[in-house]
Amino acid sequence: PKSYFFGDVSSFNSKSVYLGELMELPDQSETVHSCDMEVLDLLCCGEERLTDNSFDDRNAGVAAFLYAHLGEDGILLVNDYCREPHMTQESAMQLLTLLPFKLVKPILKAVAFMAVSRAPRVEALL
């Protein structure tokens, strides 16, 4: 498969870093009350909790971060801006302005860390 040539398969000497891994989730006691812990667990761990397949665990770190802080109610409020098949600059900015800055800041810092060439533009938003 192509993934062997693009570096998606983990090797013995290196580990890929994912955007969601750069953001800390709150403790269970600090998560929003409308947060379903089973959903959060699935977003955090993906299928890893069901199988030992380490190649594709289907976790969603950024989604887990947002869900832990926003809960079901908060996700529903911002969900309309995520329905477009392609995010436009306008809808992306609307989504960012809907989210509390305390959530946007760690995401932007993680993006700046991962996408070094875009770091100046991302840091300008901070």
C-alpha atoms as a PDB file:
ATOM      1  CA  PRO A   1       0.000   0.000   0.000  1.00  0.00           C
ATOM      2  CA  LYS A   2       0.952   3.604  -0.542  1.00  0.00           C
ATOM      3  CA  SER A   3       1.116   4.222   3.196  1.00  0.00           C
ATOM      4  CA  TYR A   4       4.396   2.305   3.352  1.00  0.00           C
ATOM      5  CA  PHE A   5       5.978   4.959   1.154  1.00  0.00           C
ATOM      6  CA  PHE A   6       4.358   8.000   2.768  1.00  0.00           C
ATOM      7  CA  GLY A   7       5.399   7.185   6.316  1.00  0.00           C
ATOM      8  CA  ASP A   8       1.996   6.364   7.814  1.00  0.00           C
ATOM      9  CA  VAL A   9       3.160   3.033   9.170  1.00  0.00           C
ATOM     10  CA  SER A  10       4.979   3.339  12.463  1.00  0.00           C
ATOM     11  CA  SER A  11       8.581   2.235  12.502  1.00  0.00           C
ATOM     12  CA  PHE A  12      10.662   0.883  15.335  1.00  0.00           C
ATOM     13  CA  ASN A  13      12.732   4.053  15.702  1.00  0.00           C
ATOM     14  CA  SER A  14      10.126   6.776  15.350  1.00  0.00           C
ATOM     15  CA  LYS A  15       6.600   7.638  16.356  1.00  0.00           C
ATOM     16  CA  SER A  16       4.287   9.948  14.480  1.00  0.00           C
ATOM     17  CA  VAL A  17       2.897  12.821  16.512  1.00  0.00           C
ATOM     18  CA  TYR A  18      -0.770  13.650  15.968  1.00  0.00           C
ATOM     19  CA  LEU A  19      -2.315  17.058  16.528  1.00  0.00           C
ATOM     20  CA  GLY A  20      -4.654  15.793  19.255  1.00  0.00           C
ATOM     21  CA  GLU A  21      -1.734  14.426  21.252  1.00  0.00           C
ATOM     22  CA  LEU A  22      -0.428  17.949  21.743  1.00  0.00           C
ATOM     23  CA  MET A  23      -3.520  19.037  23.703  1.00  0.00           C
ATOM     24  CA  GLU A  24      -4.304  17.972  27.245  1.00  0.00           C
ATOM     25  CA  LEU A  25      -7.718  16.618  28.068  1.00  0.00           C
ATOM     26  CA  PRO A  26      -9.256  17.755  31.338  1.00  0.00           C
ATOM     27  CA  ASP A  27      -9.605  15.291  34.211  1.00  0.00           C
ATOM     28  CA  GLN A  28     -12.890  13.398  34.293  1.00  0.00           C
ATOM     29  CA  SER A  29     -14.080  15.606  37.150  1.00  0.00           C
ATOM     30  CA  GLU A  30     -13.445  18.710  35.009  1.00  0.00           C
ATOM     31  CA  THR A  31     -15.266  17.587  31.880  1.00  0.00           C
ATOM     32  CA  VAL A  32     -18.557  19.200  30.999  1.00  0.00           C
ATOM     33  CA  HIS A  33     -21.558  17.508  32.642  1.00  0.00           C
ATOM     34  CA  SER A  34     -23.303  16.864  29.306  1.00  0.00           C
ATOM     35  CA  CYS A  35     -20.260  14.893  28.166  1.00  0.00           C
ATOM     36  CA  ASP A  36     -20.960  11.176  27.633  1.00  0.00           C
ATOM     37  CA  MET A  37     -17.866   9.408  28.971  1.00  0.00           C
ATOM     38  CA  GLU A  38     -18.272   6.473  26.583  1.00  0.00           C
ATOM     39  CA  VAL A  39     -18.261   8.838  23.606  1.00  0.00           C
ATOM     40  CA  LEU A  40     -15.235  10.658  25.018  1.00  0.00           C
ATOM     41  CA  ASP A  41     -13.431   7.347  25.520  1.00  0.00           C
ATOM     42  CA  LEU A  42     -14.126   6.348  21.920  1.00  0.00           C
ATOM     43  CA  LEU A  43     -12.855   9.717  20.646  1.00  0.00           C
ATOM     44  CA  CYS A  44      -9.723   9.444  22.800  1.00  0.00           C
ATOM     45  CA  CYS A  45      -8.867   5.804  22.267  1.00  0.00           C
ATOM     46  CA  GLY A  46     -10.749   4.861  19.146  1.00  0.00           C
ATOM     47  CA  GLU A  47     -10.871   1.200  18.356  1.00  0.00           C
ATOM     48  CA  GLU A  48      -7.667   0.732  20.343  1.00  0.00           C
ATOM     49  CA  ARG A  49      -9.809  -0.162  23.323  1.00  0.00           C
ATOM     50  CA  LEU A  50     -11.407  -2.966  21.302  1.00  0.00           C
ATOM     51  CA  THR A  51      -8.398  -4.350  19.451  1.00  0.00           C
ATOM     52  CA  ASP A  52      -4.622  -4.290  19.617  1.00  0.00           C
ATOM     53  CA  ASN A  53      -4.216  -3.049  16.018  1.00  0.00           C
ATOM     54  CA  SER A  54      -1.744  -0.172  16.431  1.00  0.00           C
ATOM     55  CA  PHE A  55      -1.690   0.911  12.773  1.00  0.00           C
ATOM     56  CA  ASP A  56      -5.150   2.490  12.629  1.00  0.00           C
ATOM     57  CA  ASP A  57      -6.756   3.134  15.997  1.00  0.00           C
ATOM     58  CA  ARG A  58      -9.243   5.680  14.601  1.00  0.00           C
ATOM     59  CA  ASN A  59      -8.951   8.107  17.471  1.00  0.00           C
ATOM     60  CA  ALA A  60      -9.806  11.774  17.164  1.00  0.00           C
ATOM     61  CA  GLY A  61      -7.723  13.802  19.591  1.00  0.00           C
ATOM     62  CA  VAL A  62      -8.954  17.267  18.586  1.00  0.00           C
ATOM     63  CA  ALA A  63     -12.568  16.099  18.636  1.00  0.00           C
ATOM     64  CA  ALA A  64     -11.988  14.546  22.070  1.00  0.00           C
ATOM     65  CA  PHE A  65     -10.466  17.805  23.325  1.00  0.00           C
ATOM     66  CA  LEU A  66     -13.412  19.866  22.100  1.00  0.00           C
ATOM     67  CA  TYR A  67     -16.012  17.350  23.263  1.00  0.00           C
ATOM     68  CA  ALA A  68     -14.506  17.138  26.761  1.00  0.00           C
ATOM     69  CA  HIS A  69     -14.703  20.927  27.101  1.00  0.00           C
ATOM     70  CA  LEU A  70     -17.977  21.585  25.272  1.00  0.00           C
ATOM     71  CA  GLY A  71     -20.037  18.461  25.940  1.00  0.00           C
ATOM     72  CA  GLU A  72     -23.070  17.462  23.894  1.00  0.00           C
ATOM     73  CA  ASP A  73     -24.749  20.864  24.264  1.00  0.00           C
ATOM     74  CA  GLY A  74     -21.712  22.863  23.166  1.00  0.00           C
ATOM     75  CA  ILE A  75     -20.977  20.601  20.220  1.00  0.00           C
ATOM     76  CA  LEU A  76     -24.539  21.051  18.968  1.00  0.00           C
ATOM     77  CA  LEU A  77     -24.090  24.842  19.051  1.00  0.00           C
ATOM     78  CA  VAL A  78     -21.038  24.792  16.784  1.00  0.00           C
ATOM     79  CA  ASN A  79     -22.061  21.798  14.665  1.00  0.00           C
ATOM     80  CA  ASP A  80     -23.787  23.899  11.991  1.00  0.00           C
ATOM     81  CA  TYR A  81     -20.453  25.425  10.978  1.00  0.00           C
ATOM     82  CA  CYS A  82     -18.950  21.974  10.409  1.00  0.00           C
ATOM     83  CA  ARG A  83     -21.592  20.658   8.016  1.00  0.00           C
ATOM     84  CA  GLU A  84     -20.140  22.153   4.853  1.00  0.00           C
ATOM     85  CA  PRO A  85     -18.275  19.609   2.745  1.00  0.00           C
ATOM     86  CA  HIS A  86     -15.405  22.072   2.406  1.00  0.00           C
ATOM     87  CA  MET A  87     -14.565  24.543   5.133  1.00  0.00           C
ATOM     88  CA  THR A  88     -14.305  28.061   3.751  1.00  0.00           C
ATOM     89  CA  GLN A  89     -12.243  30.827   5.294  1.00  0.00           C
ATOM     90  CA  GLU A  90     -15.450  32.515   6.462  1.00  0.00           C
ATOM     91  CA  SER A  91     -16.957  29.407   8.065  1.00  0.00           C
ATOM     92  CA  ALA A  92     -13.614  28.568   9.703  1.00  0.00           C
ATOM     93  CA  MET A  93     -13.397  32.042  11.249  1.00  0.00           C
ATOM     94  CA  GLN A  94     -17.027  31.816  12.403  1.00  0.00           C
ATOM     95  CA  LEU A  95     -16.286  28.488  14.050  1.00  0.00           C
ATOM     96  CA  LEU A  96     -13.201  29.898  15.763  1.00  0.00           C
ATOM     97  CA  THR A  97     -15.160  32.877  17.080  1.00  0.00           C
ATOM     98  CA  LEU A  98     -17.884  30.576  18.454  1.00  0.00           C
ATOM     99  CA  LEU A  99     -15.395  28.557  20.467  1.00  0.00           C
ATOM    100  CA  PRO A 100     -14.083  29.954  23.753  1.00  0.00           C
ATOM    101  CA  PHE A 101     -10.557  31.322  23.308  1.00  0.00           C
ATOM    102  CA  LYS A 102      -9.275  28.998  26.058  1.00  0.00           C
ATOM    103  CA  LEU A 103     -10.037  26.126  23.626  1.00  0.00           C
ATOM    104  CA  VAL A 104      -8.826  27.814  20.464  1.00  0.00           C
ATOM    105  CA  LYS A 105      -5.455  28.754  21.923  1.00  0.00           C
ATOM    106  CA  PRO A 106      -4.152  25.190  22.546  1.00  0.00           C
ATOM    107  CA  ILE A 107      -5.393  24.087  19.127  1.00  0.00           C
ATOM    108  CA  LEU A 108      -3.622  26.960  17.387  1.00  0.00           C
ATOM    109  CA  LYS A 109      -0.429  26.328  19.365  1.00  0.00           C
ATOM    110  CA  ALA A 110      -0.523  22.672  18.341  1.00  0.00           C
ATOM    111  CA  VAL A 111      -1.089  23.605  14.693  1.00  0.00           C
ATOM    112  CA  ALA A 112       1.823  26.068  14.823  1.00  0.00           C
ATOM    113  CA  PHE A 113       4.033  23.338  16.277  1.00  0.00           C
ATOM    114  CA  MET A 114       3.040  20.774  13.642  1.00  0.00           C
ATOM    115  CA  ALA A 115       2.898  23.061  10.583  1.00  0.00           C
ATOM    116  CA  VAL A 116       6.053  25.082  10.974  1.00  0.00           C
ATOM    117  CA  SER A 117       5.646  26.812   7.613  1.00  0.00           C
ATOM    118  CA  ARG A 118       2.248  28.155   8.718  1.00  0.00           C
ATOM    119  CA  ALA A 119       3.310  29.038  12.260  1.00  0.00           C
ATOM    120  CA  PRO A 120       3.603  32.818  11.660  1.00  0.00           C
ATOM    121  CA  ARG A 121       0.041  33.007  10.260  1.00  0.00           C
ATOM    122  CA  VAL A 122      -1.328  30.847  13.056  1.00  0.00           C
ATOM    123  CA  GLU A 123       0.495  32.792  15.760  1.00  0.00           C
ATOM    124  CA  ALA A 124      -0.946  36.007  14.346  1.00  0.00           C
ATOM    125  CA  LEU A 125      -4.392  34.681  15.328  1.00  0.00           C
ATOM    126  CA  LEU A 126      -3.201  34.288  18.908  1.00  0.00           C
END
